[in-house]
Amino acid sequence: MRSRAAVRALIAAALLVVASPSPAADLQGQPAPDFALRSLEGQNLRLSEHLGGVVLINFWASWCGPCRQEMPLLDELHVKYKLAGLTVLGVNIDDSTERAAEMAKTLKVSYPVLFDERKDVSRSYAVSAMPFTVLVDREGVVRYVSDGFKPGYEKRYAEQLRELLNDE
């Protein structure tokens, strides 16, 4: 009997963890925290400079296998929707920029790559997994948050982007 009660307690605890929204879920519907970060090209880019357009912010790291899979797909979205008002910002969280710069060049990423070496921006977005993607609408409000990546997620992003880009 005791073991059944213990198993039930474990299942209940696991369901509670799964059902509890992550801190990142609290971002949805809130103004996107503004930031300024240095880019791969050397200039500083500020999120608020892109108000009026839709922004996809993707937090990634060079050691992250799913990030490597996702980045070329994000680049395709960048190319496809850029003229419609989309900006993609890749925010790298590596401690050192060298490996990140090498990975971005190897993958031929054409969107801006920014460096969050101190992790201040990552903390303000409650980044909990790699990769971590945030969609921000034209008014600067977070509309979609996704952590991790599996093939097919890019279709979700495209669906959300089409909705946000057409919502003028």
C-alpha atoms as a PDB file:
ATOM      1  CA  MET A   1       0.000   0.000   0.000  1.00  0.00           C
ATOM      2  CA  ARG A   2       2.779   2.399   0.919  1.00  0.00           C
ATOM      3  CA  SER A   3       4.456   1.976  -2.462  1.00  0.00           C
ATOM      4  CA  ARG A   4       1.216   2.800  -4.314  1.00  0.00           C
ATOM      5  CA  ALA A   5       0.850   6.001  -2.297  1.00  0.00           C
ATOM      6  CA  ALA A   6       4.464   6.880  -3.034  1.00  0.00           C
ATOM      7  CA  VAL A   7       3.946   6.239  -6.750  1.00  0.00           C
ATOM      8  CA  ARG A   8       0.787   8.392  -6.742  1.00  0.00           C
ATOM      9  CA  ALA A   9       2.656  11.175  -4.959  1.00  0.00           C
ATOM     10  CA  LEU A  10       5.463  11.014  -7.527  1.00  0.00           C
ATOM     11  CA  ILE A  11       2.997  11.091 -10.424  1.00  0.00           C
ATOM     12  CA  ALA A  12       1.155  14.039  -8.875  1.00  0.00           C
ATOM     13  CA  ALA A  13       4.433  15.913  -8.386  1.00  0.00           C
ATOM     14  CA  ALA A  14       5.498  15.202 -11.985  1.00  0.00           C
ATOM     15  CA  LEU A  15       2.154  16.404 -13.325  1.00  0.00           C
ATOM     16  CA  LEU A  16       2.447  19.563 -11.268  1.00  0.00           C
ATOM     17  CA  VAL A  17       5.892  20.282 -12.736  1.00  0.00           C
ATOM     18  CA  VAL A  18       4.653  19.603 -16.274  1.00  0.00           C
ATOM     19  CA  ALA A  19       1.495  21.681 -15.780  1.00  0.00           C
ATOM     20  CA  SER A  20       3.277  24.622 -14.141  1.00  0.00           C
ATOM     21  CA  PRO A  21       3.959  27.343 -16.644  1.00  0.00           C
ATOM     22  CA  SER A  22       7.599  28.258 -17.089  1.00  0.00           C
ATOM     23  CA  PRO A  23       8.710  31.784 -16.182  1.00  0.00           C
ATOM     24  CA  ALA A  24       9.008  32.396 -19.926  1.00  0.00           C
ATOM     25  CA  ALA A  25       5.248  31.827 -20.276  1.00  0.00           C
ATOM     26  CA  ASP A  26       4.809  34.978 -18.203  1.00  0.00           C
ATOM     27  CA  LEU A  27       6.401  36.918 -21.089  1.00  0.00           C
ATOM     28  CA  GLN A  28       3.510  36.234 -23.442  1.00  0.00           C
ATOM     29  CA  GLY A  29       1.293  39.298 -23.714  1.00  0.00           C
ATOM     30  CA  GLN A  30       3.877  41.523 -22.000  1.00  0.00           C
ATOM     31  CA  PRO A  31       6.097  44.211 -23.535  1.00  0.00           C
ATOM     32  CA  ALA A  32       9.314  42.638 -24.774  1.00  0.00           C
ATOM     33  CA  PRO A  33      12.244  43.673 -22.562  1.00  0.00           C
ATOM     34  CA  ASP A  34      14.351  46.121 -24.576  1.00  0.00           C
ATOM     35  CA  PHE A  35      18.051  45.465 -25.007  1.00  0.00           C
ATOM     36  CA  ALA A  36      21.111  46.601 -26.916  1.00  0.00           C
ATOM     37  CA  LEU A  37      23.806  44.084 -27.831  1.00  0.00           C
ATOM     38  CA  ARG A  38      26.928  44.088 -29.977  1.00  0.00           C
ATOM     39  CA  SER A  39      26.538  42.327 -33.299  1.00  0.00           C
ATOM     40  CA  LEU A  40      28.897  40.058 -35.209  1.00  0.00           C
ATOM     41  CA  GLU A  41      29.595  43.049 -37.480  1.00  0.00           C
ATOM     42  CA  GLY A  42      30.638  45.135 -34.467  1.00  0.00           C
ATOM     43  CA  GLN A  43      27.774  47.620 -34.158  1.00  0.00           C
ATOM     44  CA  ASN A  44      25.219  47.707 -31.351  1.00  0.00           C
ATOM     45  CA  LEU A  45      21.632  46.780 -32.200  1.00  0.00           C
ATOM     46  CA  ARG A  46      18.674  47.718 -30.004  1.00  0.00           C
ATOM     47  CA  LEU A  47      15.392  45.792 -30.036  1.00  0.00           C
ATOM     48  CA  SER A  48      13.313  48.993 -29.815  1.00  0.00           C
ATOM     49  CA  GLU A  49      14.823  50.160 -33.135  1.00  0.00           C
ATOM     50  CA  HIS A  50      12.648  47.515 -34.765  1.00  0.00           C
ATOM     51  CA  LEU A  51       9.289  48.695 -33.381  1.00  0.00           C
ATOM     52  CA  GLY A  52       6.740  48.740 -36.166  1.00  0.00           C
ATOM     53  CA  GLY A  53       8.003  45.439 -37.519  1.00  0.00           C
ATOM     54  CA  VAL A  54       7.711  41.878 -36.282  1.00  0.00           C
ATOM     55  CA  VAL A  55      10.809  40.520 -34.535  1.00  0.00           C
ATOM     56  CA  LEU A  56      11.830  36.910 -34.020  1.00  0.00           C
ATOM     57  CA  ILE A  57      14.464  36.671 -31.277  1.00  0.00           C
ATOM     58  CA  ASN A  58      16.307  33.367 -31.148  1.00  0.00           C
ATOM     59  CA  PHE A  59      18.602  32.632 -28.198  1.00  0.00           C
ATOM     60  CA  TRP A  60      21.212  30.013 -29.083  1.00  0.00           C
ATOM     61  CA  ALA A  61      24.618  28.601 -28.167  1.00  0.00           C
ATOM     62  CA  SER A  62      27.416  27.032 -30.231  1.00  0.00           C
ATOM     63  CA  TRP A  63      27.335  23.850 -28.102  1.00  0.00           C
ATOM     64  CA  CYS A  64      23.614  23.335 -28.821  1.00  0.00           C
ATOM     65  CA  GLY A  65      22.881  20.676 -31.462  1.00  0.00           C
ATOM     66  CA  PRO A  66      19.213  21.672 -31.958  1.00  0.00           C
ATOM     67  CA  CYS A  67      20.360  25.298 -32.411  1.00  0.00           C
ATOM     68  CA  ARG A  68      22.590  24.173 -35.281  1.00  0.00           C
ATOM     69  CA  GLN A  69      19.579  22.412 -36.854  1.00  0.00           C
ATOM     70  CA  GLU A  70      17.257  25.365 -36.375  1.00  0.00           C
ATOM     71  CA  MET A  71      19.423  28.260 -37.539  1.00  0.00           C
ATOM     72  CA  PRO A  72      19.305  27.523 -41.301  1.00  0.00           C
ATOM     73  CA  LEU A  73      15.510  27.191 -41.029  1.00  0.00           C
ATOM     74  CA  LEU A  74      15.300  30.554 -39.254  1.00  0.00           C
ATOM     75  CA  ASP A  75      17.447  32.011 -42.012  1.00  0.00           C
ATOM     76  CA  GLU A  76      14.910  30.758 -44.570  1.00  0.00           C
ATOM     77  CA  LEU A  77      12.135  32.518 -42.618  1.00  0.00           C
ATOM     78  CA  HIS A  78      14.278  35.660 -42.469  1.00  0.00           C
ATOM     79  CA  VAL A  79      14.770  35.678 -46.232  1.00  0.00           C
ATOM     80  CA  LYS A  80      11.135  34.812 -46.984  1.00  0.00           C
ATOM     81  CA  TYR A  81       9.487  37.390 -44.688  1.00  0.00           C
ATOM     82  CA  LYS A  82      12.069  40.190 -44.498  1.00  0.00           C
ATOM     83  CA  LEU A  83      10.287  42.362 -47.071  1.00  0.00           C
ATOM     84  CA  ALA A  84       6.987  41.821 -45.225  1.00  0.00           C
ATOM     85  CA  GLY A  85       8.466  43.397 -42.075  1.00  0.00           C
ATOM     86  CA  LEU A  86      10.225  40.573 -40.224  1.00  0.00           C
ATOM     87  CA  THR A  87      13.529  41.017 -38.413  1.00  0.00           C
ATOM     88  CA  VAL A  88      15.304  37.953 -37.050  1.00  0.00           C
ATOM     89  CA  LEU A  89      17.830  38.529 -34.261  1.00  0.00           C
ATOM     90  CA  GLY A  90      20.031  35.636 -33.187  1.00  0.00           C
ATOM     91  CA  VAL A  91      21.201  36.172 -29.601  1.00  0.00           C
ATOM     92  CA  ASN A  92      24.185  34.011 -28.737  1.00  0.00           C
ATOM     93  CA  ILE A  93      24.819  33.225 -25.058  1.00  0.00           C
ATOM     94  CA  ASP A  94      28.319  31.711 -25.304  1.00  0.00           C
ATOM     95  CA  ASP A  95      30.947  33.045 -22.898  1.00  0.00           C
ATOM     96  CA  SER A  96      33.266  33.644 -25.846  1.00  0.00           C
ATOM     97  CA  THR A  97      32.232  35.020 -29.220  1.00  0.00           C
ATOM     98  CA  GLU A  98      34.773  33.143 -31.371  1.00  0.00           C
ATOM     99  CA  ARG A  99      32.955  29.799 -31.606  1.00  0.00           C
ATOM    100  CA  ALA A 100      29.625  31.556 -32.078  1.00  0.00           C
ATOM    101  CA  ALA A 101      31.000  33.693 -34.913  1.00  0.00           C
ATOM    102  CA  GLU A 102      32.495  30.597 -36.552  1.00  0.00           C
ATOM    103  CA  MET A 103      29.199  28.691 -36.308  1.00  0.00           C
ATOM    104  CA  ALA A 104      27.175  31.593 -37.743  1.00  0.00           C
ATOM    105  CA  LYS A 105      29.607  31.887 -40.672  1.00  0.00           C
ATOM    106  CA  THR A 106      29.654  28.111 -41.273  1.00  0.00           C
ATOM    107  CA  LEU A 107      25.843  28.024 -41.346  1.00  0.00           C
ATOM    108  CA  LYS A 108      25.783  31.142 -43.597  1.00  0.00           C
ATOM    109  CA  VAL A 109      23.340  32.962 -41.321  1.00  0.00           C
ATOM    110  CA  SER A 110      22.257  36.213 -42.982  1.00  0.00           C
ATOM    111  CA  TYR A 111      20.303  37.706 -40.076  1.00  0.00           C
ATOM    112  CA  PRO A 112      22.060  39.729 -37.345  1.00  0.00           C
ATOM    113  CA  VAL A 113      23.906  37.694 -34.720  1.00  0.00           C
ATOM    114  CA  LEU A 114      24.189  39.423 -31.333  1.00  0.00           C
ATOM    115  CA  PHE A 115      26.313  38.517 -28.317  1.00  0.00           C
ATOM    116  CA  ASP A 116      24.908  38.266 -24.774  1.00  0.00           C
ATOM    117  CA  GLU A 117      28.163  37.283 -23.059  1.00  0.00           C
ATOM    118  CA  ARG A 118      27.019  38.593 -19.657  1.00  0.00           C
ATOM    119  CA  LYS A 119      23.634  36.815 -20.025  1.00  0.00           C
ATOM    120  CA  ASP A 120      21.691  39.935 -18.962  1.00  0.00           C
ATOM    121  CA  VAL A 121      19.282  39.711 -21.885  1.00  0.00           C
ATOM    122  CA  SER A 122      18.861  35.951 -21.457  1.00  0.00           C
ATOM    123  CA  ARG A 123      17.888  36.513 -17.831  1.00  0.00           C
ATOM    124  CA  SER A 124      15.408  39.256 -18.717  1.00  0.00           C
ATOM    125  CA  TYR A 125      13.706  36.812 -21.116  1.00  0.00           C
ATOM    126  CA  ALA A 126      13.818  33.925 -18.595  1.00  0.00           C
ATOM    127  CA  VAL A 127      15.624  31.714 -21.119  1.00  0.00           C
ATOM    128  CA  SER A 128      15.287  28.182 -19.823  1.00  0.00           C
ATOM    129  CA  ALA A 129      16.408  25.975 -22.717  1.00  0.00           C
ATOM    130  CA  MET A 130      18.375  26.167 -25.933  1.00  0.00           C
ATOM    131  CA  PRO A 131      17.278  27.234 -28.429  1.00  0.00           C
ATOM    132  CA  PHE A 132      14.708  29.694 -27.119  1.00  0.00           C
ATOM    133  CA  THR A 133      12.551  31.668 -29.537  1.00  0.00           C
ATOM    134  CA  VAL A 134      10.383  34.721 -28.911  1.00  0.00           C
ATOM    135  CA  LEU A 135       8.074  36.450 -31.411  1.00  0.00           C
ATOM    136  CA  VAL A 136       7.412  40.134 -30.813  1.00  0.00           C
ATOM    137  CA  ASP A 137       4.588  41.978 -32.592  1.00  0.00           C
ATOM    138  CA  ARG A 138       4.715  45.399 -34.255  1.00  0.00           C
ATOM    139  CA  GLU A 139       3.850  47.150 -30.971  1.00  0.00           C
ATOM    140  CA  GLY A 140       6.672  45.428 -29.064  1.00  0.00           C
ATOM    141  CA  VAL A 141       4.519  42.853 -27.254  1.00  0.00           C
ATOM    142  CA  VAL A 142       5.629  39.224 -26.882  1.00  0.00           C
ATOM    143  CA  ARG A 143       3.116  37.046 -28.734  1.00  0.00           C
ATOM    144  CA  TYR A 144       4.768  33.617 -28.828  1.00  0.00           C
ATOM    145  CA  VAL A 145       7.472  31.814 -26.837  1.00  0.00           C
ATOM    146  CA  SER A 146       9.031  28.451 -27.676  1.00  0.00           C
ATOM    147  CA  ASP A 147      11.822  26.619 -25.900  1.00  0.00           C
ATOM    148  CA  GLY A 148      13.814  23.826 -27.488  1.00  0.00           C
ATOM    149  CA  PHE A 149      13.587  22.745 -31.107  1.00  0.00           C
ATOM    150  CA  LYS A 150      12.351  19.735 -33.014  1.00  0.00           C
ATOM    151  CA  PRO A 151      11.881  19.492 -36.779  1.00  0.00           C
ATOM    152  CA  GLY A 152       8.521  21.048 -37.575  1.00  0.00           C
ATOM    153  CA  TYR A 153       8.781  23.914 -35.088  1.00  0.00           C
ATOM    154  CA  GLU A 154       9.727  26.186 -37.980  1.00  0.00           C
ATOM    155  CA  LYS A 155       6.223  25.578 -39.401  1.00  0.00           C
ATOM    156  CA  ARG A 156       4.735  26.860 -36.130  1.00  0.00           C
ATOM    157  CA  TYR A 157       6.937  29.934 -36.360  1.00  0.00           C
ATOM    158  CA  ALA A 158       5.885  30.543 -39.970  1.00  0.00           C
ATOM    159  CA  GLU A 159       2.212  30.246 -39.023  1.00  0.00           C
ATOM    160  CA  GLN A 160       2.623  32.703 -36.145  1.00  0.00           C
ATOM    161  CA  LEU A 161       4.687  35.048 -38.321  1.00  0.00           C
ATOM    162  CA  ARG A 162       2.105  35.130 -41.100  1.00  0.00           C
ATOM    163  CA  GLU A 163      -0.544  36.032 -38.549  1.00  0.00           C
ATOM    164  CA  LEU A 164       1.572  38.786 -36.986  1.00  0.00           C
ATOM    165  CA  LEU A 165       2.793  40.189 -40.304  1.00  0.00           C
ATOM    166  CA  ASN A 166      -0.756  40.405 -41.666  1.00  0.00           C
ATOM    167  CA  ASP A 167      -2.087  42.040 -38.489  1.00  0.00           C
ATOM    168  CA  GLU A 168      -1.595  45.690 -39.356  1.00  0.00           C
END
